[in-house]
Amino acid sequence: MENEQLTENIQFHINGKLENRIFGKKKFDGKVVLEGDHLPPVQGIDEEGLQLWSEDRYGVLHSFGSVDADGNYTPSIHLYGIVFIDEDFSNFTIQINPVDEQQPWLESEQLMITAPASGREEAIKLSDQLMEEFMMSRK
């Protein structure tokens, strides 16, 4: 990324359904709208919102389909980011995928959205913690 010190407050609007599963796992399915100056554009039919699906501390933020300049629809899935969430869904971090979806995710070049965090250092600490908790829950 050109500026590794880039920090921006964004608006994160979420609407969906959280289900408590029988064995204690939680599942969320809903829609997310992100507002910020430096966020990559959303690709897909619904350019205003992304689908968020998560289960057991992990999820994906994605959109469906594309329409070309002539109005032709192409079925596809665009992965906007990978989501890590704590057990009670009060903290999250999103690894935003590269705009070119064929490129690998590189920590030094990609954006992350983390909340709640009042600054960059707090956001990094929280995102590291959430990813570590996810990895530990898989062992």
N, C-alpha and C. Protein backbone atom coordinates (compact mmCIF):
# COMPACT_ATOMS: atom_id res chain seq x y z
N MET A 1 0.85 -1.17 0.00
CA MET A 1 0.00 0.00 0.00
C MET A 1 0.89 1.23 0.00
N GLU A 2 0.48 2.27 -0.68
CA GLU A 2 1.29 3.48 -0.76
C GLU A 2 1.56 4.08 0.60
N ASN A 3 0.59 4.08 1.48
CA ASN A 3 0.73 4.71 2.79
C ASN A 3 0.35 3.71 3.87
N GLU A 4 1.37 3.11 4.50
CA GLU A 4 1.09 2.11 5.53
C GLU A 4 0.48 2.73 6.78
N GLN A 5 0.51 4.05 6.89
CA GLN A 5 -0.05 4.71 8.06
C GLN A 5 -1.48 5.18 7.84
N LEU A 6 -2.08 4.81 6.70
CA LEU A 6 -3.44 5.24 6.39
C LEU A 6 -4.40 4.73 7.46
N THR A 7 -5.10 5.64 8.06
CA THR A 7 -6.13 5.31 9.03
C THR A 7 -7.36 6.14 8.67
N GLU A 8 -8.51 5.51 8.63
CA GLU A 8 -9.73 6.21 8.25
C GLU A 8 -10.89 5.68 9.07
N ASN A 9 -11.71 6.58 9.54
CA ASN A 9 -12.97 6.18 10.16
C ASN A 9 -13.96 5.91 9.04
N ILE A 10 -14.67 4.80 9.14
CA ILE A 10 -15.67 4.45 8.13
C ILE A 10 -17.00 4.21 8.81
N GLN A 11 -18.05 4.21 8.02
CA GLN A 11 -19.37 3.84 8.50
C GLN A 11 -19.62 2.40 8.07
N PHE A 12 -20.13 1.60 8.98
CA PHE A 12 -20.39 0.18 8.73
C PHE A 12 -21.84 -0.07 9.12
N HIS A 13 -22.71 -0.28 8.14
CA HIS A 13 -24.13 -0.52 8.39
C HIS A 13 -24.41 -1.99 8.14
N ILE A 14 -25.06 -2.64 9.09
CA ILE A 14 -25.30 -4.07 8.97
C ILE A 14 -26.77 -4.37 9.28
N ASN A 15 -27.34 -5.27 8.50
CA ASN A 15 -28.73 -5.68 8.70
C ASN A 15 -28.83 -7.16 8.36
N GLY A 16 -29.27 -7.95 9.31
CA GLY A 16 -29.36 -9.38 9.03
C GLY A 16 -29.91 -10.15 10.21
N LYS A 17 -29.64 -11.43 10.20
CA LYS A 17 -30.18 -12.33 11.20
C LYS A 17 -29.05 -13.14 11.84
N LEU A 18 -28.98 -13.11 13.17
CA LEU A 18 -28.02 -13.90 13.93
C LEU A 18 -28.77 -15.07 14.54
N GLU A 19 -28.30 -16.28 14.26
CA GLU A 19 -28.93 -17.49 14.78
C GLU A 19 -27.99 -18.17 15.76
N ASN A 20 -28.53 -18.60 16.89
CA ASN A 20 -27.78 -19.43 17.83
C ASN A 20 -28.07 -20.88 17.49
N ARG A 21 -27.04 -21.61 17.15
CA ARG A 21 -27.20 -23.01 16.76
C ARG A 21 -27.24 -23.91 17.98
N ILE A 22 -27.70 -25.13 17.81
CA ILE A 22 -27.91 -26.07 18.90
C ILE A 22 -26.62 -26.41 19.66
N PHE A 23 -25.47 -26.43 18.99
CA PHE A 23 -24.22 -26.78 19.66
C PHE A 23 -23.40 -25.56 20.04
N GLY A 24 -24.04 -24.41 20.15
CA GLY A 24 -23.37 -23.22 20.63
C GLY A 24 -22.75 -22.34 19.56
N LYS A 25 -22.70 -22.80 18.33
CA LYS A 25 -22.15 -21.98 17.25
C LYS A 25 -23.19 -20.95 16.84
N LYS A 26 -22.70 -19.81 16.36
CA LYS A 26 -23.59 -18.76 15.89
C LYS A 26 -23.40 -18.58 14.39
N LYS A 27 -24.51 -18.29 13.73
CA LYS A 27 -24.47 -18.05 12.28
C LYS A 27 -25.13 -16.71 12.01
N PHE A 28 -24.50 -15.91 11.14
CA PHE A 28 -25.07 -14.64 10.72
C PHE A 28 -25.20 -14.62 9.21
N ASP A 29 -26.32 -14.12 8.73
CA ASP A 29 -26.53 -13.93 7.30
C ASP A 29 -27.22 -12.59 7.13
N GLY A 30 -26.63 -11.70 6.34
CA GLY A 30 -27.23 -10.40 6.18
C GLY A 30 -26.52 -9.54 5.15
N LYS A 31 -26.81 -8.27 5.21
CA LYS A 31 -26.30 -7.30 4.25
C LYS A 31 -25.49 -6.24 4.97
N VAL A 32 -24.41 -5.79 4.32
CA VAL A 32 -23.51 -4.79 4.88
C VAL A 32 -23.31 -3.67 3.87
N VAL A 33 -23.32 -2.44 4.35
CA VAL A 33 -22.97 -1.28 3.53
C VAL A 33 -21.79 -0.60 4.20
N LEU A 34 -20.72 -0.38 3.44
CA LEU A 34 -19.52 0.29 3.94
C LEU A 34 -19.42 1.66 3.30
N GLU A 35 -19.09 2.67 4.11
CA GLU A 35 -18.91 4.03 3.59
C GLU A 35 -17.58 4.56 4.07
N GLY A 36 -16.71 4.93 3.12
CA GLY A 36 -15.40 5.49 3.45
C GLY A 36 -14.72 5.97 2.18
N ASP A 37 -13.77 6.89 2.34
CA ASP A 37 -13.12 7.50 1.19
C ASP A 37 -12.12 6.60 0.48
N HIS A 38 -11.48 5.68 1.19
CA HIS A 38 -10.40 4.88 0.60
C HIS A 38 -10.76 3.41 0.42
N LEU A 39 -12.02 3.08 0.49
CA LEU A 39 -12.44 1.69 0.34
C LEU A 39 -12.49 1.30 -1.13
N PRO A 40 -12.09 0.06 -1.46
CA PRO A 40 -12.21 -0.40 -2.84
C PRO A 40 -13.68 -0.46 -3.25
N PRO A 41 -13.97 -0.27 -4.53
CA PRO A 41 -15.36 -0.33 -4.98
C PRO A 41 -15.93 -1.73 -4.85
N VAL A 42 -17.23 -1.81 -4.64
CA VAL A 42 -17.93 -3.09 -4.59
C VAL A 42 -18.21 -3.51 -6.02
N GLN A 43 -17.86 -4.74 -6.36
CA GLN A 43 -18.16 -5.29 -7.68
C GLN A 43 -19.39 -6.17 -7.55
N GLY A 44 -20.22 -6.17 -8.56
CA GLY A 44 -21.39 -7.04 -8.53
C GLY A 44 -22.68 -6.27 -8.75
N ILE A 45 -23.77 -7.00 -8.80
CA ILE A 45 -25.08 -6.43 -9.10
C ILE A 45 -25.48 -5.35 -8.10
N ASP A 46 -25.40 -5.66 -6.83
CA ASP A 46 -25.82 -4.71 -5.81
C ASP A 46 -24.61 -3.91 -5.36
N GLU A 47 -24.32 -2.84 -6.05
CA GLU A 47 -23.12 -2.05 -5.77
C GLU A 47 -23.25 -1.27 -4.46
N GLU A 48 -24.42 -1.27 -3.87
CA GLU A 48 -24.62 -0.53 -2.63
C GLU A 48 -24.38 -1.38 -1.39
N GLY A 49 -24.40 -2.68 -1.52
CA GLY A 49 -24.25 -3.51 -0.33
C GLY A 49 -23.59 -4.83 -0.63
N LEU A 50 -23.10 -5.45 0.41
CA LEU A 50 -22.43 -6.74 0.32
C LEU A 50 -23.17 -7.74 1.18
N GLN A 51 -23.11 -8.99 0.79
CA GLN A 51 -23.66 -10.06 1.61
C GLN A 51 -22.60 -10.45 2.64
N LEU A 52 -23.01 -10.64 3.88
CA LEU A 52 -22.11 -11.13 4.92
C LEU A 52 -22.66 -12.45 5.42
N TRP A 53 -21.85 -13.46 5.33
CA TRP A 53 -22.18 -14.76 5.89
C TRP A 53 -21.07 -15.12 6.86
N SER A 54 -21.42 -15.49 8.07
CA SER A 54 -20.39 -15.92 9.01
C SER A 54 -20.93 -17.03 9.90
N GLU A 55 -20.02 -17.87 10.33
CA GLU A 55 -20.37 -18.94 11.25
C GLU A 55 -19.13 -19.28 12.05
N ASP A 56 -19.31 -19.35 13.36
CA ASP A 56 -18.23 -19.79 14.25
C ASP A 56 -16.96 -18.96 14.08
N ARG A 57 -17.08 -17.63 14.23
CA ARG A 57 -15.96 -16.69 14.26
C ARG A 57 -15.32 -16.37 12.91
N TYR A 58 -15.88 -16.85 11.83
CA TYR A 58 -15.27 -16.66 10.52
C TYR A 58 -16.36 -16.39 9.49
N GLY A 59 -16.07 -15.57 8.51
CA GLY A 59 -17.08 -15.32 7.49
C GLY A 59 -16.50 -14.71 6.24
N VAL A 60 -17.38 -14.47 5.28
CA VAL A 60 -16.99 -13.85 4.02
C VAL A 60 -17.95 -12.70 3.72
N LEU A 61 -17.40 -11.67 3.10
CA LEU A 61 -18.14 -10.52 2.64
C LEU A 61 -18.06 -10.57 1.12
N HIS A 62 -19.20 -10.68 0.44
CA HIS A 62 -19.17 -10.91 -1.00
C HIS A 62 -20.37 -10.29 -1.71
N SER A 63 -20.28 -10.25 -3.03
CA SER A 63 -21.40 -9.80 -3.86
C SER A 63 -21.55 -10.78 -5.02
N PHE A 64 -22.69 -10.71 -5.67
CA PHE A 64 -22.99 -11.66 -6.75
C PHE A 64 -23.18 -10.93 -8.07
N GLY A 65 -22.76 -11.60 -9.15
CA GLY A 65 -23.07 -11.18 -10.50
C GLY A 65 -22.41 -9.91 -10.97
N SER A 66 -22.37 -9.75 -12.28
CA SER A 66 -21.84 -8.55 -12.92
C SER A 66 -22.72 -8.21 -14.11
N VAL A 67 -22.81 -6.94 -14.41
CA VAL A 67 -23.52 -6.47 -15.60
C VAL A 67 -22.54 -5.62 -16.39
N ASP A 68 -22.36 -5.95 -17.68
CA ASP A 68 -21.43 -5.18 -18.50
C ASP A 68 -22.10 -3.91 -19.03
N ALA A 69 -21.35 -3.12 -19.81
CA ALA A 69 -21.85 -1.84 -20.31
C ALA A 69 -23.10 -2.00 -21.18
N ASP A 70 -23.26 -3.17 -21.80
CA ASP A 70 -24.43 -3.42 -22.65
C ASP A 70 -25.62 -3.98 -21.87
N GLY A 71 -25.47 -4.14 -20.55
CA GLY A 71 -26.55 -4.65 -19.73
C GLY A 71 -26.64 -6.16 -19.65
N ASN A 72 -25.61 -6.85 -20.12
CA ASN A 72 -25.60 -8.31 -20.07
C ASN A 72 -25.15 -8.79 -18.69
N TYR A 73 -25.90 -9.72 -18.13
CA TYR A 73 -25.61 -10.27 -16.81
C TYR A 73 -24.66 -11.46 -16.92
N THR A 74 -23.66 -11.49 -16.06
CA THR A 74 -22.75 -12.63 -15.97
C THR A 74 -22.79 -13.14 -14.54
N PRO A 75 -23.17 -14.40 -14.32
CA PRO A 75 -23.17 -14.93 -12.96
C PRO A 75 -21.74 -15.03 -12.43
N SER A 76 -21.53 -14.58 -11.23
CA SER A 76 -20.21 -14.64 -10.61
C SER A 76 -20.34 -14.32 -9.13
N ILE A 77 -19.28 -14.59 -8.41
CA ILE A 77 -19.19 -14.23 -7.00
C ILE A 77 -17.93 -13.40 -6.84
N HIS A 78 -18.07 -12.24 -6.22
CA HIS A 78 -16.93 -11.36 -5.96
C HIS A 78 -16.65 -11.38 -4.46
N LEU A 79 -15.49 -11.87 -4.08
CA LEU A 79 -15.11 -11.91 -2.67
C LEU A 79 -14.51 -10.57 -2.28
N TYR A 80 -15.21 -9.82 -1.44
CA TYR A 80 -14.74 -8.51 -1.00
C TYR A 80 -13.76 -8.64 0.16
N GLY A 81 -13.99 -9.60 1.05
CA GLY A 81 -13.10 -9.75 2.18
C GLY A 81 -13.43 -10.95 3.04
N ILE A 82 -12.46 -11.28 3.89
CA ILE A 82 -12.59 -12.36 4.87
C ILE A 82 -12.84 -11.70 6.22
N VAL A 83 -13.78 -12.24 6.98
CA VAL A 83 -14.21 -11.64 8.24
C VAL A 83 -13.85 -12.55 9.41
N PHE A 84 -13.29 -11.96 10.46
CA PHE A 84 -13.02 -12.66 11.73
C PHE A 84 -13.80 -11.93 12.81
N ILE A 85 -14.57 -12.68 13.61
CA ILE A 85 -15.48 -12.11 14.59
C ILE A 85 -15.27 -12.80 15.93
N ASP A 86 -15.42 -12.05 17.03
CA ASP A 86 -15.29 -12.70 18.33
C ASP A 86 -16.56 -13.46 18.67
N GLU A 87 -16.50 -14.18 19.77
CA GLU A 87 -17.58 -15.10 20.14
C GLU A 87 -18.93 -14.43 20.33
N ASP A 88 -18.95 -13.20 20.87
CA ASP A 88 -20.23 -12.54 21.09
C ASP A 88 -20.58 -11.50 20.02
N PHE A 89 -19.85 -11.51 18.91
CA PHE A 89 -20.09 -10.64 17.75
C PHE A 89 -19.97 -9.16 18.09
N SER A 90 -19.14 -8.80 19.06
CA SER A 90 -18.96 -7.39 19.41
C SER A 90 -17.70 -6.79 18.80
N ASN A 91 -16.78 -7.61 18.30
CA ASN A 91 -15.55 -7.16 17.66
C ASN A 91 -15.38 -7.90 16.34
N PHE A 92 -14.86 -7.22 15.33
CA PHE A 92 -14.62 -7.89 14.06
C PHE A 92 -13.46 -7.23 13.32
N THR A 93 -12.90 -7.97 12.40
CA THR A 93 -11.92 -7.42 11.47
C THR A 93 -12.18 -8.04 10.10
N ILE A 94 -12.00 -7.24 9.07
CA ILE A 94 -12.21 -7.68 7.69
C ILE A 94 -10.92 -7.48 6.92
N GLN A 95 -10.40 -8.54 6.33
CA GLN A 95 -9.26 -8.44 5.42
C GLN A 95 -9.85 -8.15 4.04
N ILE A 96 -9.69 -6.93 3.56
CA ILE A 96 -10.24 -6.56 2.25
C ILE A 96 -9.39 -7.20 1.16
N ASN A 97 -10.03 -7.90 0.25
CA ASN A 97 -9.32 -8.55 -0.85
C ASN A 97 -8.78 -7.52 -1.83
N PRO A 98 -7.72 -7.89 -2.57
CA PRO A 98 -7.22 -7.00 -3.63
C PRO A 98 -8.32 -6.76 -4.66
N VAL A 99 -8.31 -5.57 -5.28
CA VAL A 99 -9.30 -5.27 -6.32
C VAL A 99 -9.20 -6.30 -7.44
N ASP A 100 -7.96 -6.68 -7.80
CA ASP A 100 -7.74 -7.78 -8.75
C ASP A 100 -7.84 -9.07 -7.94
N GLU A 101 -8.96 -9.74 -8.03
CA GLU A 101 -9.24 -10.90 -7.18
C GLU A 101 -8.29 -12.07 -7.42
N GLN A 102 -7.48 -12.01 -8.48
CA GLN A 102 -6.52 -13.07 -8.77
C GLN A 102 -5.21 -12.89 -7.99
N GLN A 103 -5.00 -11.71 -7.41
CA GLN A 103 -3.78 -11.41 -6.68
C GLN A 103 -3.87 -11.94 -5.25
N PRO A 104 -2.72 -12.30 -4.66
CA PRO A 104 -2.73 -12.76 -3.26
C PRO A 104 -2.95 -11.59 -2.30
N TRP A 105 -3.43 -11.91 -1.10
CA TRP A 105 -3.59 -10.91 -0.06
C TRP A 105 -2.24 -10.71 0.61
N LEU A 106 -1.72 -9.48 0.57
CA LEU A 106 -0.44 -9.16 1.19
C LEU A 106 -0.66 -8.13 2.28
N GLU A 107 -0.19 -8.43 3.48
CA GLU A 107 -0.40 -7.54 4.63
C GLU A 107 0.09 -6.13 4.36
N SER A 108 1.22 -6.01 3.65
CA SER A 108 1.81 -4.69 3.42
C SER A 108 1.07 -3.87 2.37
N GLU A 109 0.16 -4.49 1.63
CA GLU A 109 -0.47 -3.79 0.51
C GLU A 109 -1.99 -3.69 0.59
N GLN A 110 -2.63 -4.36 1.54
CA GLN A 110 -4.09 -4.41 1.55
C GLN A 110 -4.67 -3.67 2.75
N LEU A 111 -5.94 -3.37 2.64
CA LEU A 111 -6.67 -2.68 3.70
C LEU A 111 -7.32 -3.68 4.65
N MET A 112 -7.50 -3.23 5.90
CA MET A 112 -8.24 -3.99 6.90
C MET A 112 -9.25 -3.03 7.53
N ILE A 113 -10.39 -3.56 7.88
CA ILE A 113 -11.39 -2.81 8.63
C ILE A 113 -11.53 -3.54 9.96
N THR A 114 -11.35 -2.82 11.06
CA THR A 114 -11.42 -3.42 12.39
C THR A 114 -12.26 -2.53 13.30
N ALA A 115 -13.13 -3.15 14.09
CA ALA A 115 -13.95 -2.36 15.01
C ALA A 115 -14.26 -3.18 16.25
N PRO A 116 -14.43 -2.56 17.37
CA PRO A 116 -14.21 -1.13 17.57
C PRO A 116 -12.73 -0.85 17.80
N ALA A 117 -12.26 0.23 17.27
CA ALA A 117 -10.86 0.64 17.46
C ALA A 117 -10.78 2.15 17.30
N SER A 118 -10.04 2.79 18.18
CA SER A 118 -9.94 4.25 18.13
C SER A 118 -8.74 4.71 17.31
N GLY A 119 -7.87 3.78 16.93
CA GLY A 119 -6.70 4.16 16.14
C GLY A 119 -6.03 2.93 15.54
N ARG A 120 -4.99 3.17 14.77
CA ARG A 120 -4.30 2.12 14.03
C ARG A 120 -3.73 1.03 14.95
N GLU A 121 -3.03 1.43 16.00
CA GLU A 121 -2.40 0.44 16.89
C GLU A 121 -3.44 -0.45 17.55
N GLU A 122 -4.52 0.15 18.02
CA GLU A 122 -5.60 -0.63 18.63
C GLU A 122 -6.24 -1.58 17.61
N ALA A 123 -6.40 -1.10 16.38
CA ALA A 123 -6.99 -1.93 15.32
C ALA A 123 -6.09 -3.12 14.99
N ILE A 124 -4.78 -2.89 14.90
CA ILE A 124 -3.85 -3.98 14.61
C ILE A 124 -3.87 -5.02 15.73
N LYS A 125 -3.85 -4.54 16.97
CA LYS A 125 -3.87 -5.45 18.11
C LYS A 125 -5.15 -6.30 18.12
N LEU A 126 -6.30 -5.66 17.89
CA LEU A 126 -7.57 -6.38 17.88
C LEU A 126 -7.65 -7.36 16.72
N SER A 127 -7.21 -6.96 15.53
CA SER A 127 -7.28 -7.88 14.39
C SER A 127 -6.37 -9.08 14.61
N ASP A 128 -5.17 -8.86 15.15
CA ASP A 128 -4.27 -9.98 15.46
C ASP A 128 -4.93 -10.93 16.47
N GLN A 129 -5.57 -10.37 17.49
CA GLN A 129 -6.23 -11.17 18.52
C GLN A 129 -7.37 -12.00 17.92
N LEU A 130 -8.19 -11.39 17.08
CA LEU A 130 -9.32 -12.11 16.48
C LEU A 130 -8.86 -13.23 15.56
N MET A 131 -7.82 -12.98 14.78
CA MET A 131 -7.31 -14.03 13.89
C MET A 131 -6.67 -15.16 14.69
N GLU A 132 -5.98 -14.81 15.77
CA GLU A 132 -5.37 -15.83 16.63
C GLU A 132 -6.45 -16.67 17.32
N GLU A 133 -7.50 -16.03 17.83
CA GLU A 133 -8.61 -16.76 18.45
C GLU A 133 -9.26 -17.71 17.46
N PHE A 134 -9.42 -17.27 16.22
CA PHE A 134 -10.00 -18.13 15.20
C PHE A 134 -9.11 -19.35 14.97
N MET A 135 -7.81 -19.14 14.85
CA MET A 135 -6.88 -20.24 14.61
C MET A 135 -6.87 -21.21 15.80
N MET A 136 -6.91 -20.68 17.01
CA MET A 136 -6.91 -21.53 18.21
C MET A 136 -8.21 -22.34 18.30
N SER A 137 -9.32 -21.78 17.84
CA SER A 137 -10.60 -22.50 17.90
C SER A 137 -10.64 -23.66 16.91
N ARG A 138 -9.72 -23.69 15.97
CA ARG A 138 -9.68 -24.75 14.97
C ARG A 138 -8.80 -25.93 15.38
N LYS A 139 -8.08 -25.78 16.48
CA LYS A 139 -7.17 -26.86 16.92
C LYS A 139 -7.89 -27.89 17.74
